[in-house]
Amino acid sequence: MKKEAIIKKLVLVKILWENDKQEDCERSFLERRKIGMGYYTRQQNRNRSEAIEQEALIAWCGWQQAKHPELKLLYHVPNGGSRNPLEAANLKRQGVKAGVPDLCLPVSMNGFHGLYIEMKYGKNKTTEAQKEWLKELSAQGYFTAVCYSAEEAEQVISRYLGFSGLS
């Protein structure tokens, strides 16, 4: 296994560990791998979420920046989350809009102006507002995708930027 792949999985385990203090998280990635558990334990699989997948994707982009500096332009659009009513009203006046995709890579490639990714996890589905945004962005010349895991988003980004395989 490549050094970068091992590091990627170790960082993902660290992210999951921080979100899950169960005893089985104390095993290192390599110990779990030896017993065939992969890098997610059963408890961690229950605690995986869209946020965890997005954190893993952002970490992957950080590792790839030396080879692919355009990845430093990837950013998260923090439209989601719960807010108190006053903060929500202020943000709405400032231009926050429901349905805007989670991630944007403003790099033009192969006739597209840039890439927008909506992250989902598990059985989550896109909302009508998200579907509308993805449709409108596509019509404006952006490549859009809905991804259900960090790995799927890595593949979309790799294909969009023309990497050969996952680096």
Foldseek 3Di string as FASTA:
>chain_A
DDPLVLVLLQVLLVLLCVVPVDPVSPDGQVVCVVVPCHSAHPVSVVVDFLVSQVVSLLVLLVVCCVVPVLSVQKDFDPLDDDDPPVVNVVVVVVPRDPQQAGIWRQDDDDQARTEGEHEGEDPDDRDPSNVVNCVVSVVVRHHYYYDHGSVRVQVVVCVRVVPDPRD
